[in-house]
PDB file of all heavy atoms in Angstrom:
ATOM      1  N   THR A   1      16.246 -32.436  16.136  1.00  0.00           N
ATOM      2  CA  THR A   1      16.803 -31.549  17.138  1.00  0.00           C
ATOM      3  C   THR A   1      18.240 -31.058  16.666  1.00  0.00           C
ATOM      4  O   THR A   1      19.043 -31.873  16.349  1.00  0.00           O
ATOM      5  CB  THR A   1      16.991 -32.181  18.525  1.00  0.00           C
ATOM      6  OG1 THR A   1      15.682 -32.686  18.930  1.00  0.00           O
ATOM      7  CG2 THR A   1      17.471 -31.212  19.540  1.00  0.00           C
ATOM      8  N   ILE A   2      18.353 -29.768  16.620  1.00  0.00           N
ATOM      9  CA  ILE A   2      19.658 -29.166  16.296  1.00  0.00           C
ATOM     10  C   ILE A   2      20.327 -28.739  17.532  1.00  0.00           C
ATOM     11  O   ILE A   2      19.779 -28.258  18.525  1.00  0.00           O
ATOM     12  CB  ILE A   2      19.500 -27.940  15.309  1.00  0.00           C
ATOM     13  CG1 ILE A   2      20.878 -27.487  14.810  1.00  0.00           C
ATOM     14  CG2 ILE A   2      18.698 -26.807  15.979  1.00  0.00           C
ATOM     15  CD1 ILE A   2      20.764 -26.406  13.697  1.00  0.00           C
ATOM     16  N   SER A   3      21.666 -29.041  17.589  1.00  0.00           N
ATOM     17  CA  SER A   3      22.471 -28.609  18.785  1.00  0.00           C
ATOM     18  C   SER A   3      23.869 -28.288  18.246  1.00  0.00           C
ATOM     19  O   SER A   3      24.239 -28.597  17.126  1.00  0.00           O
ATOM     20  CB  SER A   3      22.472 -29.749  19.799  1.00  0.00           C
ATOM     21  OG  SER A   3      23.040 -30.914  19.286  1.00  0.00           O
ATOM     22  N   ARG A   4      24.666 -27.777  19.172  1.00  0.00           N
ATOM     23  CA  ARG A   4      26.030 -27.483  18.848  1.00  0.00           C
ATOM     24  C   ARG A   4      26.921 -27.656  20.014  1.00  0.00           C
ATOM     25  O   ARG A   4      26.551 -27.446  21.176  1.00  0.00           O
ATOM     26  CB  ARG A   4      26.164 -25.997  18.268  1.00  0.00           C
ATOM     27  CG  ARG A   4      25.842 -24.953  19.278  1.00  0.00           C
ATOM     28  CD  ARG A   4      25.699 -23.585  18.564  1.00  0.00           C
ATOM     29  NE  ARG A   4      26.933 -23.163  17.898  1.00  0.00           N
ATOM     30  CZ  ARG A   4      27.020 -22.271  16.923  1.00  0.00           C
ATOM     31  NH1 ARG A   4      25.905 -21.680  16.505  1.00  0.00           N
ATOM     32  NH2 ARG A   4      28.170 -21.956  16.385  1.00  0.00           N
ATOM     33  N   ASP A   5      28.228 -27.839  19.731  1.00  0.00           N
ATOM     34  CA  ASP A   5      29.302 -27.924  20.721  1.00  0.00           C
ATOM     35  C   ASP A   5      30.353 -26.976  20.250  1.00  0.00           C
ATOM     36  O   ASP A   5      31.197 -27.357  19.401  1.00  0.00           O
ATOM     37  CB  ASP A   5      29.767 -29.337  20.896  1.00  0.00           C
ATOM     38  CG  ASP A   5      30.813 -29.503  22.004  1.00  0.00           C
ATOM     39  OD1 ASP A   5      31.395 -28.503  22.424  1.00  0.00           O
ATOM     40  OD2 ASP A   5      30.931 -30.588  22.495  1.00  0.00           O
ATOM     41  N   ASN A   6      30.401 -25.806  20.831  1.00  0.00           N
ATOM     42  CA  ASN A   6      31.370 -24.783  20.352  1.00  0.00           C
ATOM     43  C   ASN A   6      32.848 -25.201  20.712  1.00  0.00           C
ATOM     44  O   ASN A   6      33.729 -24.799  20.025  1.00  0.00           O
ATOM     45  CB  ASN A   6      31.064 -23.409  20.928  1.00  0.00           C
ATOM     46  CG  ASN A   6      29.787 -22.843  20.258  1.00  0.00           C
ATOM     47  OD1 ASN A   6      29.405 -23.196  19.132  1.00  0.00           O
ATOM     48  ND2 ASN A   6      29.192 -21.869  20.946  1.00  0.00           N
ATOM     49  N   ALA A   7      33.018 -25.965  21.724  1.00  0.00           N
ATOM     50  CA  ALA A   7      34.362 -26.414  22.062  1.00  0.00           C
ATOM     51  C   ALA A   7      34.905 -27.373  21.008  1.00  0.00           C
ATOM     52  O   ALA A   7      36.128 -27.451  20.834  1.00  0.00           O
ATOM     53  CB  ALA A   7      34.358 -27.098  23.434  1.00  0.00           C
ATOM     54  N   LYS A   8      33.998 -28.056  20.254  1.00  0.00           N
ATOM     55  CA  LYS A   8      34.369 -28.987  19.240  1.00  0.00           C
ATOM     56  C   LYS A   8      34.157 -28.413  17.856  1.00  0.00           C
ATOM     57  O   LYS A   8      34.320 -29.166  16.828  1.00  0.00           O
ATOM     58  CB  LYS A   8      33.589 -30.289  19.414  1.00  0.00           C
ATOM     59  CG  LYS A   8      33.939 -31.041  20.652  1.00  0.00           C
ATOM     60  CD  LYS A   8      33.223 -32.384  20.758  1.00  0.00           C
ATOM     61  CE  LYS A   8      33.573 -33.091  22.020  1.00  0.00           C
ATOM     62  NZ  LYS A   8      32.827 -34.437  22.129  1.00  0.00           N
ATOM     63  N   ASN A   9      33.691 -27.197  17.744  1.00  0.00           N
ATOM     64  CA  ASN A   9      33.409 -26.587  16.437  1.00  0.00           C
ATOM     65  C   ASN A   9      32.495 -27.480  15.615  1.00  0.00           C
ATOM     66  O   ASN A   9      32.684 -27.681  14.416  1.00  0.00           O
ATOM     67  CB  ASN A   9      34.689 -26.345  15.644  1.00  0.00           C
ATOM     68  CG  ASN A   9      35.386 -25.045  16.027  1.00  0.00           C
ATOM     69  OD1 ASN A   9      35.128 -24.483  17.092  1.00  0.00           O
ATOM     70  ND2 ASN A   9      36.249 -24.520  15.228  1.00  0.00           N
ATOM     71  N   THR A  10      31.459 -27.970  16.242  1.00  0.00           N
ATOM     72  CA  THR A  10      30.554 -28.963  15.576  1.00  0.00           C
ATOM     73  C   THR A  10      29.080 -28.594  15.871  1.00  0.00           C
ATOM     74  O   THR A  10      28.767 -28.215  16.995  1.00  0.00           O
ATOM     75  CB  THR A  10      30.915 -30.368  16.044  1.00  0.00           C
ATOM     76  OG1 THR A  10      32.261 -30.671  15.759  1.00  0.00           O
ATOM     77  CG2 THR A  10      30.029 -31.383  15.321  1.00  0.00           C
ATOM     78  N   VAL A  11      28.315 -28.738  14.816  1.00  0.00           N
ATOM     79  CA  VAL A  11      26.801 -28.654  15.006  1.00  0.00           C
ATOM     80  C   VAL A  11      26.262 -29.993  14.609  1.00  0.00           C
ATOM     81  O   VAL A  11      26.785 -30.705  13.746  1.00  0.00           O
ATOM     82  CB  VAL A  11      26.297 -27.510  14.115  1.00  0.00           C
ATOM     83  CG1 VAL A  11      26.526 -27.748  12.646  1.00  0.00           C
ATOM     84  CG2 VAL A  11      24.830 -27.287  14.339  1.00  0.00           C
ATOM     85  N   TYR A  12      25.143 -30.398  15.296  1.00  0.00           N
ATOM     86  CA  TYR A  12      24.516 -31.695  15.093  1.00  0.00           C
ATOM     87  C   TYR A  12      23.057 -31.556  14.681  1.00  0.00           C
ATOM     88  O   TYR A  12      22.425 -30.552  14.891  1.00  0.00           O
ATOM     89  CB  TYR A  12      24.587 -32.476  16.375  1.00  0.00           C
ATOM     90  CG  TYR A  12      25.968 -32.634  16.982  1.00  0.00           C
ATOM     91  CD1 TYR A  12      26.393 -31.771  18.037  1.00  0.00           C
ATOM     92  CD2 TYR A  12      26.788 -33.638  16.555  1.00  0.00           C
ATOM     93  CE1 TYR A  12      27.662 -31.894  18.510  1.00  0.00           C
ATOM     94  CE2 TYR A  12      28.097 -33.785  17.078  1.00  0.00           C
ATOM     95  CZ  TYR A  12      28.483 -32.952  18.057  1.00  0.00           C
ATOM     96  OH  TYR A  12      29.785 -33.073  18.639  1.00  0.00           O
ATOM     97  N   LEU A  13      22.639 -32.568  14.036  1.00  0.00           N
ATOM     98  CA  LEU A  13      21.164 -32.702  13.671  1.00  0.00           C
ATOM     99  C   LEU A  13      20.794 -34.088  14.082  1.00  0.00           C
ATOM    100  O   LEU A  13      21.116 -35.034  13.311  1.00  0.00           O
ATOM    101  CB  LEU A  13      20.889 -32.366  12.237  1.00  0.00           C
ATOM    102  CG  LEU A  13      19.404 -32.287  11.895  1.00  0.00           C
ATOM    103  CD1 LEU A  13      18.720 -31.114  12.545  1.00  0.00           C
ATOM    104  CD2 LEU A  13      19.187 -32.250  10.383  1.00  0.00           C
ATOM    105  N   GLN A  14      20.056 -34.237  15.168  1.00  0.00           N
ATOM    106  CA  GLN A  14      19.459 -35.498  15.602  1.00  0.00           C
ATOM    107  C   GLN A  14      18.114 -35.663  14.885  1.00  0.00           C
ATOM    108  O   GLN A  14      17.207 -34.824  15.117  1.00  0.00           O
ATOM    109  CB  GLN A  14      19.332 -35.548  17.098  1.00  0.00           C
ATOM    110  CG  GLN A  14      18.684 -36.805  17.638  1.00  0.00           C
ATOM    111  CD  GLN A  14      19.527 -38.071  17.392  1.00  0.00           C
ATOM    112  OE1 GLN A  14      20.749 -37.983  17.672  1.00  0.00           O
ATOM    113  NE2 GLN A  14      18.942 -39.180  16.954  1.00  0.00           N
ATOM    114  N   MET A  15      17.969 -36.792  14.170  1.00  0.00           N
ATOM    115  CA  MET A  15      16.773 -36.975  13.359  1.00  0.00           C
ATOM    116  C   MET A  15      16.099 -38.272  13.867  1.00  0.00           C
ATOM    117  O   MET A  15      16.721 -39.368  13.712  1.00  0.00           O
ATOM    118  CB  MET A  15      17.103 -37.073  11.903  1.00  0.00           C
ATOM    119  CG  MET A  15      17.906 -35.851  11.328  1.00  0.00           C
ATOM    120  SD  MET A  15      18.123 -35.863   9.557  1.00  0.00           S
ATOM    121  CE  MET A  15      19.145 -37.329   9.415  1.00  0.00           C
ATOM    122  N   ASN A  16      14.947 -38.149  14.387  1.00  0.00           N
ATOM    123  CA  ASN A  16      14.163 -39.268  14.868  1.00  0.00           C
ATOM    124  C   ASN A  16      12.867 -39.474  14.071  1.00  0.00           C
ATOM    125  O   ASN A  16      12.467 -38.532  13.375  1.00  0.00           O
ATOM    126  CB  ASN A  16      13.846 -39.071  16.363  1.00  0.00           C
ATOM    127  CG  ASN A  16      15.066 -38.995  17.232  1.00  0.00           C
ATOM    128  OD1 ASN A  16      16.114 -39.612  16.985  1.00  0.00           O
ATOM    129  ND2 ASN A  16      14.900 -38.243  18.313  1.00  0.00           N
ATOM    130  N   SER A  17      12.298 -40.638  14.180  1.00  0.00           N
ATOM    131  CA  SER A  17      11.034 -40.901  13.540  1.00  0.00           C
ATOM    132  C   SER A  17      11.117 -40.522  12.044  1.00  0.00           C
ATOM    133  O   SER A  17      10.214 -39.881  11.455  1.00  0.00           O
ATOM    134  CB  SER A  17       9.843 -40.149  14.187  1.00  0.00           C
ATOM    135  OG  SER A  17       9.720 -40.486  15.499  1.00  0.00           O
ATOM    136  N   LEU A  18      12.162 -40.989  11.415  1.00  0.00           N
ATOM    137  CA  LEU A  18      12.424 -40.607   9.996  1.00  0.00           C
ATOM    138  C   LEU A  18      11.360 -41.154   9.055  1.00  0.00           C
ATOM    139  O   LEU A  18      10.818 -42.280   9.269  1.00  0.00           O
ATOM    140  CB  LEU A  18      13.791 -41.077   9.549  1.00  0.00           C
ATOM    141  CG  LEU A  18      14.884 -40.168  10.094  1.00  0.00           C
ATOM    142  CD1 LEU A  18      16.219 -40.874  10.041  1.00  0.00           C
ATOM    143  CD2 LEU A  18      14.990 -38.877   9.286  1.00  0.00           C
ATOM    144  N   LYS A  19      11.028 -40.351   8.066  1.00  0.00           N
ATOM    145  CA  LYS A  19      10.051 -40.768   7.048  1.00  0.00           C
ATOM    146  C   LYS A  19      10.667 -40.771   5.651  1.00  0.00           C
ATOM    147  O   LYS A  19      11.721 -40.110   5.428  1.00  0.00           O
ATOM    148  CB  LYS A  19       8.946 -39.695   7.029  1.00  0.00           C
ATOM    149  CG  LYS A  19       8.293 -39.429   8.352  1.00  0.00           C
ATOM    150  CD  LYS A  19       7.272 -38.278   8.265  1.00  0.00           C
ATOM    151  CE  LYS A  19       6.621 -38.030   9.614  1.00  0.00           C
ATOM    152  NZ  LYS A  19       5.676 -36.900   9.542  1.00  0.00           N
ATOM    153  N   PRO A  20      10.072 -41.528   4.734  1.00  0.00           N
ATOM    154  CA  PRO A  20      10.661 -41.565   3.366  1.00  0.00           C
ATOM    155  C   PRO A  20      10.857 -40.123   2.783  1.00  0.00           C
ATOM    156  O   PRO A  20      11.791 -39.892   2.063  1.00  0.00           O
ATOM    157  CB  PRO A  20       9.652 -42.401   2.613  1.00  0.00           C
ATOM    158  CG  PRO A  20       9.091 -43.287   3.603  1.00  0.00           C
ATOM    159  CD  PRO A  20       9.016 -42.487   4.910  1.00  0.00           C
ATOM    160  N   GLU A  21       9.923 -39.237   3.123  1.00  0.00           N
ATOM    161  CA  GLU A  21      10.034 -37.886   2.561  1.00  0.00           C
ATOM    162  C   GLU A  21      11.179 -37.068   3.152  1.00  0.00           C
ATOM    163  O   GLU A  21      11.482 -35.949   2.722  1.00  0.00           O
ATOM    164  CB  GLU A  21       8.675 -37.120   2.740  1.00  0.00           C
ATOM    165  CG  GLU A  21       8.144 -37.154   4.143  1.00  0.00           C
ATOM    166  CD  GLU A  21       7.097 -38.249   4.301  1.00  0.00           C
ATOM    167  OE1 GLU A  21       7.342 -39.376   3.849  1.00  0.00           O
ATOM    168  OE2 GLU A  21       6.047 -37.903   5.003  1.00  0.00           O
ATOM    169  N   ASP A  22      11.861 -37.586   4.144  1.00  0.00           N
ATOM    170  CA  ASP A  22      13.080 -36.939   4.653  1.00  0.00           C
ATOM    171  C   ASP A  22      14.323 -37.252   3.858  1.00  0.00           C
ATOM    172  O   ASP A  22      15.392 -36.738   4.087  1.00  0.00           O
ATOM    173  CB  ASP A  22      13.313 -37.375   6.118  1.00  0.00           C
ATOM    174  CG  ASP A  22      12.275 -36.904   7.115  1.00  0.00           C
ATOM    175  OD1 ASP A  22      11.866 -35.735   6.970  1.00  0.00           O
ATOM    176  OD2 ASP A  22      11.874 -37.702   7.996  1.00  0.00           O
ATOM    177  N   THR A  23      14.166 -38.168   2.843  1.00  0.00           N
ATOM    178  CA  THR A  23      15.232 -38.504   2.015  1.00  0.00           C
ATOM    179  C   THR A  23      15.779 -37.343   1.216  1.00  0.00           C
ATOM    180  O   THR A  23      14.967 -36.613   0.538  1.00  0.00           O
ATOM    181  CB  THR A  23      14.857 -39.642   1.027  1.00  0.00           C
ATOM    182  OG1 THR A  23      14.566 -40.827   1.753  1.00  0.00           O
ATOM    183  CG2 THR A  23      15.944 -39.929   0.022  1.00  0.00           C
ATOM    184  N   ALA A  24      17.067 -37.027   1.370  1.00  0.00           N
ATOM    185  CA  ALA A  24      17.626 -35.872   0.705  1.00  0.00           C
ATOM    186  C   ALA A  24      19.135 -35.834   0.985  1.00  0.00           C
ATOM    187  O   ALA A  24      19.657 -36.619   1.767  1.00  0.00           O
ATOM    188  CB  ALA A  24      17.030 -34.558   1.249  1.00  0.00           C
ATOM    189  N   VAL A  25      19.826 -34.915   0.325  1.00  0.00           N
ATOM    190  CA  VAL A  25      21.160 -34.567   0.693  1.00  0.00           C
ATOM    191  C   VAL A  25      21.091 -33.461   1.730  1.00  0.00           C
ATOM    192  O   VAL A  25      20.445 -32.389   1.455  1.00  0.00           O
ATOM    193  CB  VAL A  25      22.035 -34.090  -0.437  1.00  0.00           C
ATOM    194  CG1 VAL A  25      23.410 -33.624  -0.017  1.00  0.00           C
ATOM    195  CG2 VAL A  25      22.149 -35.234  -1.494  1.00  0.00           C
ATOM    196  N   TYR A  26      21.679 -33.613   2.879  1.00  0.00           N
ATOM    197  CA  TYR A  26      21.641 -32.677   3.987  1.00  0.00           C
ATOM    198  C   TYR A  26      22.920 -31.873   4.016  1.00  0.00           C
ATOM    199  O   TYR A  26      24.030 -32.433   4.065  1.00  0.00           O
ATOM    200  CB  TYR A  26      21.389 -33.338   5.328  1.00  0.00           C
ATOM    201  CG  TYR A  26      19.953 -33.758   5.487  1.00  0.00           C
ATOM    202  CD1 TYR A  26      19.456 -34.854   4.785  1.00  0.00           C
ATOM    203  CD2 TYR A  26      19.132 -33.144   6.378  1.00  0.00           C
ATOM    204  CE1 TYR A  26      18.126 -35.255   4.875  1.00  0.00           C
ATOM    205  CE2 TYR A  26      17.780 -33.549   6.536  1.00  0.00           C
ATOM    206  CZ  TYR A  26      17.335 -34.565   5.743  1.00  0.00           C
ATOM    207  OH  TYR A  26      16.017 -34.948   5.922  1.00  0.00           O
ATOM    208  N   HIS A  27      22.787 -30.548   4.024  1.00  0.00           N
ATOM    209  CA  HIS A  27      23.868 -29.627   4.046  1.00  0.00           C
ATOM    210  C   HIS A  27      23.843 -28.758   5.350  1.00  0.00           C
ATOM    211  O   HIS A  27      22.815 -28.251   5.700  1.00  0.00           O
ATOM    212  CB  HIS A  27      23.851 -28.646   2.874  1.00  0.00           C
ATOM    213  CG  HIS A  27      23.884 -29.248   1.491  1.00  0.00           C
ATOM    214  ND1 HIS A  27      25.108 -29.492   0.822  1.00  0.00           N
ATOM    215  CD2 HIS A  27      22.930 -29.780   0.710  1.00  0.00           C
ATOM    216  CE1 HIS A  27      24.822 -30.074  -0.321  1.00  0.00           C
ATOM    217  NE2 HIS A  27      23.513 -30.230  -0.434  1.00  0.00           N
ATOM    218  N   CYS A  28      25.024 -28.557   5.892  1.00  0.00           N
ATOM    219  CA  CYS A  28      25.096 -27.520   6.948  1.00  0.00           C
ATOM    220  C   CYS A  28      25.629 -26.230   6.381  1.00  0.00           C
ATOM    221  O   CYS A  28      26.235 -26.268   5.310  1.00  0.00           O
ATOM    222  CB  CYS A  28      25.929 -28.002   8.135  1.00  0.00           C
ATOM    223  SG  CYS A  28      27.683 -28.155   7.790  1.00  0.00           S
ATOM    224  N   ALA A  29      25.334 -25.153   6.994  1.00  0.00           N
ATOM    225  CA  ALA A  29      25.702 -23.855   6.539  1.00  0.00           C
ATOM    226  C   ALA A  29      25.976 -22.872   7.673  1.00  0.00           C
ATOM    227  O   ALA A  29      25.432 -23.012   8.767  1.00  0.00           O
ATOM    228  CB  ALA A  29      24.555 -23.294   5.661  1.00  0.00           C
ATOM    229  N   ALA A  30      26.849 -21.936   7.385  1.00  0.00           N
ATOM    230  CA  ALA A  30      27.269 -20.970   8.388  1.00  0.00           C
ATOM    231  C   ALA A  30      26.864 -19.562   7.979  1.00  0.00           C
ATOM    232  O   ALA A  30      27.084 -19.151   6.880  1.00  0.00           O
ATOM    233  CB  ALA A  30      28.765 -20.971   8.625  1.00  0.00           C
ATOM    234  N   ASP A  31      26.228 -18.841   8.909  1.00  0.00           N
ATOM    235  CA  ASP A  31      25.926 -17.404   8.776  1.00  0.00           C
ATOM    236  C   ASP A  31      26.894 -16.699   9.671  1.00  0.00           C
ATOM    237  O   ASP A  31      26.751 -16.630  10.858  1.00  0.00           O
ATOM    238  CB  ASP A  31      24.507 -17.135   9.160  1.00  0.00           C
ATOM    239  CG  ASP A  31      24.115 -15.690   9.101  1.00  0.00           C
ATOM    240  OD1 ASP A  31      25.036 -14.779   8.949  1.00  0.00           O
ATOM    241  OD2 ASP A  31      22.955 -15.344   9.118  1.00  0.00           O
ATOM    242  N   ARG A  32      27.969 -16.113   9.027  1.00  0.00           N
ATOM    243  CA  ARG A  32      29.007 -15.498   9.835  1.00  0.00           C
ATOM    244  C   ARG A  32      28.574 -14.215  10.516  1.00  0.00           C
ATOM    245  O   ARG A  32      29.234 -13.704  11.452  1.00  0.00           O
ATOM    246  CB  ARG A  32      30.236 -15.221   8.973  1.00  0.00           C
ATOM    247  CG  ARG A  32      31.005 -16.507   8.614  1.00  0.00           C
ATOM    248  CD  ARG A  32      32.238 -16.212   7.801  1.00  0.00           C
ATOM    249  NE  ARG A  32      32.067 -16.630   6.465  1.00  0.00           N
ATOM    250  CZ  ARG A  32      32.557 -15.969   5.410  1.00  0.00           C
ATOM    251  NH1 ARG A  32      33.207 -14.813   5.563  1.00  0.00           N
ATOM    252  NH2 ARG A  32      32.412 -16.438   4.181  1.00  0.00           N
ATOM    253  N   ASP A  33      27.432 -13.630  10.100  1.00  0.00           N
ATOM    254  CA  ASP A  33      26.952 -12.427  10.741  1.00  0.00           C
ATOM    255  C   ASP A  33      26.250 -12.740  12.053  1.00  0.00           C
ATOM    256  O   ASP A  33      25.915 -11.832  12.844  1.00  0.00           O
ATOM    257  CB  ASP A  33      26.018 -11.642   9.812  1.00  0.00           C
ATOM    258  CG  ASP A  33      26.733 -11.051   8.651  1.00  0.00           C
ATOM    259  OD1 ASP A  33      27.969 -10.800   8.830  1.00  0.00           O
ATOM    260  OD2 ASP A  33      26.140 -10.855   7.601  1.00  0.00           O
TER     261      ASP A  33
END
């Protein structure tokens, strides 16, 4: 689940039921448009 709190300038990614194939480096990114 992705969510955001604009008052805190923060975006979150809640990850449940994780699997070995979810192993990775996770990056956030901004689309200014």
